[in-house]
Amino acid sequence: MTAPDYAVKVEDIHKSYGANEVLRGISFEARQGHVLSIIGASGSGKSTLLRCINHLVVPDQGTVRIGNEILRSHKNRAGIAVSSDPRQLERVRARLGMVFQNFNLWSHRNVLQNLIEGPVHVQGRSRQEAVEHALGLLDKVGLSDKRDAYPSELSGGQQQRVAIARALAMQPDVLLFDEPTSALDPEMVGEVLRVIRQLADEGRSMILVTHEMNFAREVSDHGIFMHNGRIEEEGVPDALFGAPSSPRLRQFLQPMQSAAYG
């Protein structure tokens, strides 16, 4: 079967919590080797959408395609949305690397142990191979000297770089970033963004939910602006950020434009 030119394809995703309709029919494609940024105000559905891609949040309706795999869901007897094929989901999740805003490192394991846990116990790789790969990734993110440190001994920026390295250790097809700098002090944001920019320069497929507007414009191949659970506008970064057609997007970007000219 021929591999598609998209890394992720989302079709008609809906998600509600009771009467609160968070996602209202979202469809888009993230292309292979490209960076897709998702922006929008808090509560617009960005993080929920990202989590629907790997079914950390199971959609009420719609499908997610990862390569040639199609993730579907259905309602169980209790009326709760569940993944239709748990074995397939486990297989697909191994192809998706997720970086959370609050790091989600194992506090009782040191940095190296955090990186090799998945490759050894989930993918069945040898410990020697996993360690060699992990050490290379720590070098990539500038933390070679922290292999034996525990998360509590690291700054927020260092923890997030370890989290990125841990996601890369699984050799994913796609990296998903859920506001990776939102929990960081301002002086730590730059070190994390530098790593993400390096990954973009390497041609990795990435979907990035972020409030870092200037960074999103610089690093992205395509952008999506969400508002009230829908895609309000999308396009290439220069058009989306530089010449938005939606009044809501123009309003959302006004602080960024004021900072640029102020």
C-alpha atoms as a PDB file:
ATOM      1  CA  MET A   1       0.000   0.000   0.000  1.00  0.00           C
ATOM      2  CA  THR A   2       1.353   3.392  -0.986  1.00  0.00           C
ATOM      3  CA  ALA A   3       2.130   5.696   1.924  1.00  0.00           C
ATOM      4  CA  PRO A   4      -0.032   8.855   1.907  1.00  0.00           C
ATOM      5  CA  ASP A   5       1.542  12.314   1.689  1.00  0.00           C
ATOM      6  CA  TYR A   6      -0.063  13.321   4.982  1.00  0.00           C
ATOM      7  CA  ALA A   7       1.228  12.342   8.420  1.00  0.00           C
ATOM      8  CA  VAL A   8      -2.127  12.929  10.148  1.00  0.00           C
ATOM      9  CA  LYS A   9      -5.571  13.419   8.645  1.00  0.00           C
ATOM     10  CA  VAL A  10      -8.475  14.421  10.882  1.00  0.00           C
ATOM     11  CA  GLU A  11     -12.008  14.148   9.515  1.00  0.00           C
ATOM     12  CA  ASP A  12     -15.169  15.611  11.093  1.00  0.00           C
ATOM     13  CA  ILE A  13     -14.074  15.334  14.732  1.00  0.00           C
ATOM     14  CA  HIS A  14     -16.713  16.151  17.334  1.00  0.00           C
ATOM     15  CA  LYS A  15     -16.337  16.078  21.116  1.00  0.00           C
ATOM     16  CA  SER A  16     -18.766  17.133  23.837  1.00  0.00           C
ATOM     17  CA  TYR A  17     -18.729  17.041  27.619  1.00  0.00           C
ATOM     18  CA  GLY A  18     -22.380  16.997  28.568  1.00  0.00           C
ATOM     19  CA  ALA A  19     -23.972  20.034  26.955  1.00  0.00           C
ATOM     20  CA  ASN A  20     -20.572  21.635  26.295  1.00  0.00           C
ATOM     21  CA  GLU A  21     -19.666  21.020  22.641  1.00  0.00           C
ATOM     22  CA  VAL A  22     -15.884  21.462  22.618  1.00  0.00           C
ATOM     23  CA  LEU A  23     -15.142  20.362  19.035  1.00  0.00           C
ATOM     24  CA  ARG A  24     -17.693  20.968  16.287  1.00  0.00           C
ATOM     25  CA  GLY A  25     -16.615  19.111  13.174  1.00  0.00           C
ATOM     26  CA  ILE A  26     -12.854  19.575  12.762  1.00  0.00           C
ATOM     27  CA  SER A  27     -11.103  18.412   9.591  1.00  0.00           C
ATOM     28  CA  PHE A  28      -7.506  19.040   8.479  1.00  0.00           C
ATOM     29  CA  GLU A  29      -4.352  17.398   7.160  1.00  0.00           C
ATOM     30  CA  ALA A  30      -0.833  17.629   8.581  1.00  0.00           C
ATOM     31  CA  ARG A  31       1.609  16.814   5.803  1.00  0.00           C
ATOM     32  CA  GLN A  32       4.660  14.598   6.037  1.00  0.00           C
ATOM     33  CA  GLY A  33       7.780  16.496   7.099  1.00  0.00           C
ATOM     34  CA  HIS A  34       5.848  19.683   7.858  1.00  0.00           C
ATOM     35  CA  VAL A  35       5.044  21.617  11.025  1.00  0.00           C
ATOM     36  CA  LEU A  36       1.374  22.419  11.647  1.00  0.00           C
ATOM     37  CA  SER A  37       0.671  24.966  14.379  1.00  0.00           C
ATOM     38  CA  ILE A  38      -2.706  25.238  16.099  1.00  0.00           C
ATOM     39  CA  ILE A  39      -3.438  28.581  17.758  1.00  0.00           C
ATOM     40  CA  GLY A  40      -6.426  30.111  19.481  1.00  0.00           C
ATOM     41  CA  ALA A  41      -7.656  31.492  22.766  1.00  0.00           C
ATOM     42  CA  SER A  42      -7.882  29.354  25.893  1.00  0.00           C
ATOM     43  CA  GLY A  43     -11.015  27.227  25.713  1.00  0.00           C
ATOM     44  CA  SER A  44     -11.122  27.146  21.910  1.00  0.00           C
ATOM     45  CA  GLY A  45     -10.557  23.355  21.840  1.00  0.00           C
ATOM     46  CA  LYS A  46      -6.882  23.211  20.799  1.00  0.00           C
ATOM     47  CA  SER A  47      -5.605  20.787  23.423  1.00  0.00           C
ATOM     48  CA  THR A  48      -8.718  18.622  23.199  1.00  0.00           C
ATOM     49  CA  LEU A  49      -8.197  18.360  19.459  1.00  0.00           C
ATOM     50  CA  LEU A  50      -4.553  17.383  19.891  1.00  0.00           C
ATOM     51  CA  ARG A  51      -5.495  14.690  22.409  1.00  0.00           C
ATOM     52  CA  CYS A  52      -8.155  13.344  20.034  1.00  0.00           C
ATOM     53  CA  ILE A  53      -5.390  12.512  17.557  1.00  0.00           C
ATOM     54  CA  ASN A  54      -3.989   9.782  19.823  1.00  0.00           C
ATOM     55  CA  HIS A  55      -7.329   9.090  21.540  1.00  0.00           C
ATOM     56  CA  LEU A  56      -6.174  10.319  24.937  1.00  0.00           C
ATOM     57  CA  VAL A  57      -9.520  12.013  24.458  1.00  0.00           C
ATOM     58  CA  VAL A  58     -11.789   9.750  22.416  1.00  0.00           C
ATOM     59  CA  PRO A  59     -13.873  11.648  19.835  1.00  0.00           C
ATOM     60  CA  ASP A  60     -17.647  11.268  19.849  1.00  0.00           C
ATOM     61  CA  GLN A  61     -17.635  11.301  16.063  1.00  0.00           C
ATOM     62  CA  GLY A  62     -15.119  11.379  13.218  1.00  0.00           C
ATOM     63  CA  THR A  63     -11.906   9.587  12.297  1.00  0.00           C
ATOM     64  CA  VAL A  64      -8.170  10.123  12.653  1.00  0.00           C
ATOM     65  CA  ARG A  65      -5.810   8.725  10.022  1.00  0.00           C
ATOM     66  CA  ILE A  66      -2.166   8.120  10.890  1.00  0.00           C
ATOM     67  CA  GLY A  67      -0.544   7.017   7.651  1.00  0.00           C
ATOM     68  CA  ASN A  68      -2.683   4.128   6.409  1.00  0.00           C
ATOM     69  CA  GLU A  69      -4.245   3.445   9.825  1.00  0.00           C
ATOM     70  CA  ILE A  70      -7.714   4.803  10.624  1.00  0.00           C
ATOM     71  CA  LEU A  71      -8.689   5.314  14.268  1.00  0.00           C
ATOM     72  CA  ARG A  72     -12.425   5.086  14.861  1.00  0.00           C
ATOM     73  CA  SER A  73     -14.577   5.335  17.965  1.00  0.00           C
ATOM     74  CA  HIS A  74     -18.049   4.325  19.078  1.00  0.00           C
ATOM     75  CA  LYS A  75     -20.330   4.759  22.082  1.00  0.00           C
ATOM     76  CA  ASN A  76     -20.412   1.909  24.601  1.00  0.00           C
ATOM     77  CA  ARG A  77     -23.537   0.802  26.473  1.00  0.00           C
ATOM     78  CA  ALA A  78     -23.049   3.617  28.962  1.00  0.00           C
ATOM     79  CA  GLY A  79     -22.986   6.141  26.132  1.00  0.00           C
ATOM     80  CA  ILE A  80     -19.268   6.874  26.558  1.00  0.00           C
ATOM     81  CA  ALA A  81     -17.041   7.225  23.500  1.00  0.00           C
ATOM     82  CA  VAL A  82     -14.370   4.486  23.351  1.00  0.00           C
ATOM     83  CA  SER A  83     -11.794   3.481  20.753  1.00  0.00           C
ATOM     84  CA  SER A  84     -13.160   0.864  18.379  1.00  0.00           C
ATOM     85  CA  ASP A  85      -9.944  -1.190  18.151  1.00  0.00           C
ATOM     86  CA  PRO A  86      -7.744  -1.046  21.287  1.00  0.00           C
ATOM     87  CA  ARG A  87      -4.997  -3.173  19.715  1.00  0.00           C
ATOM     88  CA  GLN A  88      -4.804  -0.882  16.721  1.00  0.00           C
ATOM     89  CA  LEU A  89      -4.750   2.146  19.040  1.00  0.00           C
ATOM     90  CA  GLU A  90      -1.791   0.707  20.949  1.00  0.00           C
ATOM     91  CA  ARG A  91       0.033   0.152  17.668  1.00  0.00           C
ATOM     92  CA  VAL A  92      -0.728   3.646  16.373  1.00  0.00           C
ATOM     93  CA  ARG A  93       0.202   5.366  19.633  1.00  0.00           C
ATOM     94  CA  ALA A  94       3.676   3.879  19.314  1.00  0.00           C
ATOM     95  CA  ARG A  95       4.041   5.999  16.160  1.00  0.00           C
ATOM     96  CA  LEU A  96       3.029   9.232  17.918  1.00  0.00           C
ATOM     97  CA  GLY A  97       5.286  11.114  20.314  1.00  0.00           C
ATOM     98  CA  MET A  98       3.436  13.339  22.796  1.00  0.00           C
ATOM     99  CA  VAL A  99       5.015  16.222  24.708  1.00  0.00           C
ATOM    100  CA  PHE A 100       2.773  17.632  27.443  1.00  0.00           C
ATOM    101  CA  GLN A 101       2.820  21.105  28.983  1.00  0.00           C
ATOM    102  CA  ASN A 102       3.623  19.687  32.431  1.00  0.00           C
ATOM    103  CA  PHE A 103       6.422  17.323  31.329  1.00  0.00           C
ATOM    104  CA  ASN A 104       4.889  14.065  32.751  1.00  0.00           C
ATOM    105  CA  LEU A 105       8.289  12.567  33.566  1.00  0.00           C
ATOM    106  CA  TRP A 106       8.537   9.637  35.981  1.00  0.00           C
ATOM    107  CA  SER A 107       9.777  11.261  39.167  1.00  0.00           C
ATOM    108  CA  HIS A 108      11.215   8.018  40.601  1.00  0.00           C
ATOM    109  CA  ARG A 109      13.419   7.381  37.551  1.00  0.00           C
ATOM    110  CA  ASN A 110      16.466   9.348  36.493  1.00  0.00           C
ATOM    111  CA  VAL A 111      16.764  11.033  33.116  1.00  0.00           C
ATOM    112  CA  LEU A 112      18.315   8.063  31.314  1.00  0.00           C
ATOM    113  CA  GLN A 113      15.763   5.658  32.787  1.00  0.00           C
ATOM    114  CA  ASN A 114      12.946   7.938  31.640  1.00  0.00           C
ATOM    115  CA  LEU A 115      14.279   7.733  28.077  1.00  0.00           C
ATOM    116  CA  ILE A 116      14.866   3.978  27.834  1.00  0.00           C
ATOM    117  CA  GLU A 117      11.701   2.745  29.585  1.00  0.00           C
ATOM    118  CA  GLY A 118       9.475   2.887  26.482  1.00  0.00           C
ATOM    119  CA  PRO A 119      11.956   1.534  23.907  1.00  0.00           C
ATOM    120  CA  VAL A 120      12.884  -1.433  26.143  1.00  0.00           C
ATOM    121  CA  HIS A 121       9.526  -2.394  27.653  1.00  0.00           C
ATOM    122  CA  VAL A 122       7.119  -1.306  24.914  1.00  0.00           C
ATOM    123  CA  GLN A 123       9.141  -1.750  21.731  1.00  0.00           C
ATOM    124  CA  GLY A 124      11.289  -4.653  22.930  1.00  0.00           C
ATOM    125  CA  ARG A 125      14.615  -3.077  21.979  1.00  0.00           C
ATOM    126  CA  SER A 126      17.780  -4.174  23.773  1.00  0.00           C
ATOM    127  CA  ARG A 127      18.880  -2.075  26.718  1.00  0.00           C
ATOM    128  CA  GLN A 128      22.240  -1.383  25.091  1.00  0.00           C
ATOM    129  CA  GLU A 129      20.602  -0.100  21.909  1.00  0.00           C
ATOM    130  CA  ALA A 130      18.127   2.004  23.908  1.00  0.00           C
ATOM    131  CA  VAL A 131      20.874   3.516  26.051  1.00  0.00           C
ATOM    132  CA  GLU A 132      23.035   4.398  23.044  1.00  0.00           C
ATOM    133  CA  HIS A 133      20.100   6.061  21.326  1.00  0.00           C
ATOM    134  CA  ALA A 134      19.079   7.877  24.514  1.00  0.00           C
ATOM    135  CA  LEU A 135      22.558   9.293  25.052  1.00  0.00           C
ATOM    136  CA  GLY A 136      22.552  10.643  21.513  1.00  0.00           C
ATOM    137  CA  LEU A 137      19.192  12.307  22.137  1.00  0.00           C
ATOM    138  CA  LEU A 138      20.385  13.877  25.384  1.00  0.00           C
ATOM    139  CA  ASP A 139      23.290  15.327  23.450  1.00  0.00           C
ATOM    140  CA  LYS A 140      20.831  16.676  20.860  1.00  0.00           C
ATOM    141  CA  VAL A 141      18.820  18.513  23.510  1.00  0.00           C
ATOM    142  CA  GLY A 142      21.927  19.723  25.363  1.00  0.00           C
ATOM    143  CA  LEU A 143      21.573  17.585  28.482  1.00  0.00           C
ATOM    144  CA  SER A 144      24.349  14.990  28.218  1.00  0.00           C
ATOM    145  CA  ASP A 145      25.533  15.860  31.716  1.00  0.00           C
ATOM    146  CA  LYS A 146      22.090  15.201  33.255  1.00  0.00           C
ATOM    147  CA  ARG A 147      21.729  11.487  32.437  1.00  0.00           C
ATOM    148  CA  ASP A 148      21.824  10.483  36.130  1.00  0.00           C
ATOM    149  CA  ALA A 149      19.779  13.398  37.467  1.00  0.00           C
ATOM    150  CA  TYR A 150      16.186  13.031  38.673  1.00  0.00           C
ATOM    151  CA  PRO A 151      13.396  15.315  37.408  1.00  0.00           C
ATOM    152  CA  SER A 152      13.220  17.141  40.755  1.00  0.00           C
ATOM    153  CA  GLU A 153      16.847  18.199  40.267  1.00  0.00           C
ATOM    154  CA  LEU A 154      16.138  19.860  36.906  1.00  0.00           C
ATOM    155  CA  SER A 155      14.712  23.237  35.925  1.00  0.00           C
ATOM    156  CA  GLY A 156      11.410  23.356  34.083  1.00  0.00           C
ATOM    157  CA  GLY A 157      13.170  23.978  30.771  1.00  0.00           C
ATOM    158  CA  GLN A 158      15.478  21.027  31.342  1.00  0.00           C
ATOM    159  CA  GLN A 159      12.558  18.780  32.245  1.00  0.00           C
ATOM    160  CA  GLN A 160      10.759  19.751  29.066  1.00  0.00           C
ATOM    161  CA  ARG A 161      13.836  19.019  26.969  1.00  0.00           C
ATOM    162  CA  VAL A 162      14.053  15.604  28.634  1.00  0.00           C
ATOM    163  CA  ALA A 163      10.376  15.090  27.787  1.00  0.00           C
ATOM    164  CA  ILE A 164      11.111  15.902  24.137  1.00  0.00           C
ATOM    165  CA  ALA A 165      14.044  13.480  24.150  1.00  0.00           C
ATOM    166  CA  ARG A 166      11.820  10.809  25.707  1.00  0.00           C
ATOM    167  CA  ALA A 167       9.251  11.266  22.943  1.00  0.00           C
ATOM    168  CA  LEU A 168      12.020  11.023  20.312  1.00  0.00           C
ATOM    169  CA  ALA A 169      13.379   7.843  21.931  1.00  0.00           C
ATOM    170  CA  MET A 170      10.313   5.978  20.651  1.00  0.00           C
ATOM    171  CA  GLN A 171      11.256   6.990  17.087  1.00  0.00           C
ATOM    172  CA  PRO A 172       7.763   8.338  16.323  1.00  0.00           C
ATOM    173  CA  ASP A 173       6.431   9.230  12.900  1.00  0.00           C
ATOM    174  CA  VAL A 174       4.740  12.355  14.279  1.00  0.00           C
ATOM    175  CA  LEU A 175       5.446  14.573  17.290  1.00  0.00           C
ATOM    176  CA  LEU A 176       2.525  16.216  19.100  1.00  0.00           C
ATOM    177  CA  PHE A 177       3.277  19.237  21.318  1.00  0.00           C
ATOM    178  CA  ASP A 178       0.610  20.446  23.746  1.00  0.00           C
ATOM    179  CA  GLU A 179       1.671  24.000  24.688  1.00  0.00           C
ATOM    180  CA  PRO A 180       5.195  22.836  25.574  1.00  0.00           C
ATOM    181  CA  THR A 181       6.304  26.209  26.987  1.00  0.00           C
ATOM    182  CA  SER A 182       3.184  27.292  28.896  1.00  0.00           C
ATOM    183  CA  ALA A 183       4.394  25.931  32.266  1.00  0.00           C
ATOM    184  CA  LEU A 184       7.871  27.489  31.943  1.00  0.00           C
ATOM    185  CA  ASP A 185       9.350  30.659  33.365  1.00  0.00           C
ATOM    186  CA  PRO A 186      10.034  33.164  30.538  1.00  0.00           C
ATOM    187  CA  GLU A 187      13.809  32.715  30.642  1.00  0.00           C
ATOM    188  CA  MET A 188      13.408  28.954  30.046  1.00  0.00           C
ATOM    189  CA  VAL A 189      11.132  29.210  27.026  1.00  0.00           C
ATOM    190  CA  GLY A 190      13.936  29.921  24.549  1.00  0.00           C
ATOM    191  CA  GLU A 191      15.896  26.740  25.266  1.00  0.00           C
ATOM    192  CA  VAL A 192      12.837  24.583  24.552  1.00  0.00           C
ATOM    193  CA  LEU A 193      11.918  26.506  21.410  1.00  0.00           C
ATOM    194  CA  ARG A 194      15.475  26.074  20.114  1.00  0.00           C
ATOM    195  CA  VAL A 195      15.086  22.286  20.339  1.00  0.00           C
ATOM    196  CA  ILE A 196      11.711  22.368  18.568  1.00  0.00           C
ATOM    197  CA  ARG A 197      13.144  24.610  15.845  1.00  0.00           C
ATOM    198  CA  GLN A 198      16.011  22.156  15.355  1.00  0.00           C
ATOM    199  CA  LEU A 199      13.516  19.299  14.940  1.00  0.00           C
ATOM    200  CA  ALA A 200      11.589  21.359  12.394  1.00  0.00           C
ATOM    201  CA  ASP A 201      14.816  22.001  10.475  1.00  0.00           C
ATOM    202  CA  GLU A 202      15.373  18.231  10.382  1.00  0.00           C
ATOM    203  CA  GLY A 203      12.056  17.820   8.562  1.00  0.00           C
ATOM    204  CA  ARG A 204      10.149  16.045  11.303  1.00  0.00           C
ATOM    205  CA  SER A 205       6.365  15.870  11.119  1.00  0.00           C
ATOM    206  CA  MET A 206       4.987  17.897  14.015  1.00  0.00           C
ATOM    207  CA  ILE A 207       1.689  19.306  15.277  1.00  0.00           C
ATOM    208  CA  LEU A 208       2.211  22.147  17.721  1.00  0.00           C
ATOM    209  CA  VAL A 209      -0.416  23.702  19.980  1.00  0.00           C
ATOM    210  CA  THR A 210       1.142  26.921  21.222  1.00  0.00           C
ATOM    211  CA  HIS A 211       0.631  30.454  22.518  1.00  0.00           C
ATOM    212  CA  GLU A 212       4.029  31.487  21.143  1.00  0.00           C
ATOM    213  CA  MET A 213       2.738  33.391  18.130  1.00  0.00           C
ATOM    214  CA  ASN A 214       6.041  34.642  16.723  1.00  0.00           C
ATOM    215  CA  PHE A 215       7.564  31.193  17.043  1.00  0.00           C
ATOM    216  CA  ALA A 216       4.561  29.572  15.353  1.00  0.00           C
ATOM    217  CA  ARG A 217       4.884  31.989  12.443  1.00  0.00           C
ATOM    218  CA  GLU A 218       8.616  31.283  12.074  1.00  0.00           C
ATOM    219  CA  VAL A 219       8.615  27.511  12.397  1.00  0.00           C
ATOM    220  CA  SER A 220       5.336  26.420  10.770  1.00  0.00           C
ATOM    221  CA  ASP A 221       4.505  25.340   7.250  1.00  0.00           C
ATOM    222  CA  HIS A 222       0.783  25.682   7.899  1.00  0.00           C
ATOM    223  CA  GLY A 223      -1.357  27.163  10.665  1.00  0.00           C
ATOM    224  CA  ILE A 224      -4.854  26.701  12.055  1.00  0.00           C
ATOM    225  CA  PHE A 225      -6.749  29.232  14.147  1.00  0.00           C
ATOM    226  CA  MET A 226      -9.485  27.735  16.313  1.00  0.00           C
ATOM    227  CA  HIS A 227     -12.437  29.590  17.783  1.00  0.00           C
ATOM    228  CA  ASN A 228     -15.420  28.100  19.637  1.00  0.00           C
ATOM    229  CA  GLY A 229     -14.530  24.537  18.690  1.00  0.00           C
ATOM    230  CA  ARG A 230     -14.207  25.184  14.961  1.00  0.00           C
ATOM    231  CA  ILE A 231     -11.431  26.080  12.535  1.00  0.00           C
ATOM    232  CA  GLU A 232     -12.045  29.777  12.020  1.00  0.00           C
ATOM    233  CA  GLU A 233      -9.177  30.263   9.566  1.00  0.00           C
ATOM    234  CA  GLU A 234      -6.161  28.350   8.251  1.00  0.00           C
ATOM    235  CA  GLY A 235      -3.341  28.931   5.817  1.00  0.00           C
ATOM    236  CA  VAL A 236       0.366  29.479   5.353  1.00  0.00           C
ATOM    237  CA  PRO A 237       1.925  31.463   8.231  1.00  0.00           C
ATOM    238  CA  ASP A 238       2.531  34.692   6.307  1.00  0.00           C
ATOM    239  CA  ALA A 239      -1.150  34.868   5.363  1.00  0.00           C
ATOM    240  CA  LEU A 240      -2.521  33.619   8.675  1.00  0.00           C
ATOM    241  CA  PHE A 241      -0.415  35.926  10.835  1.00  0.00           C
ATOM    242  CA  GLY A 242       0.284  38.737   8.387  1.00  0.00           C
ATOM    243  CA  ALA A 243      -3.021  39.158   6.552  1.00  0.00           C
ATOM    244  CA  PRO A 244      -5.807  37.394   8.467  1.00  0.00           C
ATOM    245  CA  SER A 245      -9.259  37.574   6.898  1.00  0.00           C
ATOM    246  CA  SER A 246     -11.249  36.639  10.005  1.00  0.00           C
ATOM    247  CA  PRO A 247     -12.161  39.558  12.317  1.00  0.00           C
ATOM    248  CA  ARG A 248     -11.786  37.199  15.297  1.00  0.00           C
ATOM    249  CA  LEU A 249      -8.265  36.222  14.251  1.00  0.00           C
ATOM    250  CA  ARG A 250      -7.324  39.873  13.695  1.00  0.00           C
ATOM    251  CA  GLN A 251      -8.547  40.612  17.222  1.00  0.00           C
ATOM    252  CA  PHE A 252      -6.639  37.616  18.626  1.00  0.00           C
ATOM    253  CA  LEU A 253      -3.391  38.693  16.957  1.00  0.00           C
ATOM    254  CA  GLN A 254      -3.679  42.369  17.907  1.00  0.00           C
ATOM    255  CA  PRO A 255      -1.407  42.107  21.001  1.00  0.00           C
ATOM    256  CA  MET A 256       1.294  40.451  18.881  1.00  0.00           C
ATOM    257  CA  GLN A 257       1.032  43.143  16.201  1.00  0.00           C
ATOM    258  CA  SER A 258       1.015  45.923  18.802  1.00  0.00           C
ATOM    259  CA  ALA A 259       4.217  44.491  20.314  1.00  0.00           C
ATOM    260  CA  ALA A 260       5.847  44.399  16.885  1.00  0.00           C
ATOM    261  CA  TYR A 261       5.096  48.075  16.184  1.00  0.00           C
ATOM    262  CA  GLY A 262       5.025  49.473  19.689  1.00  0.00           C
END
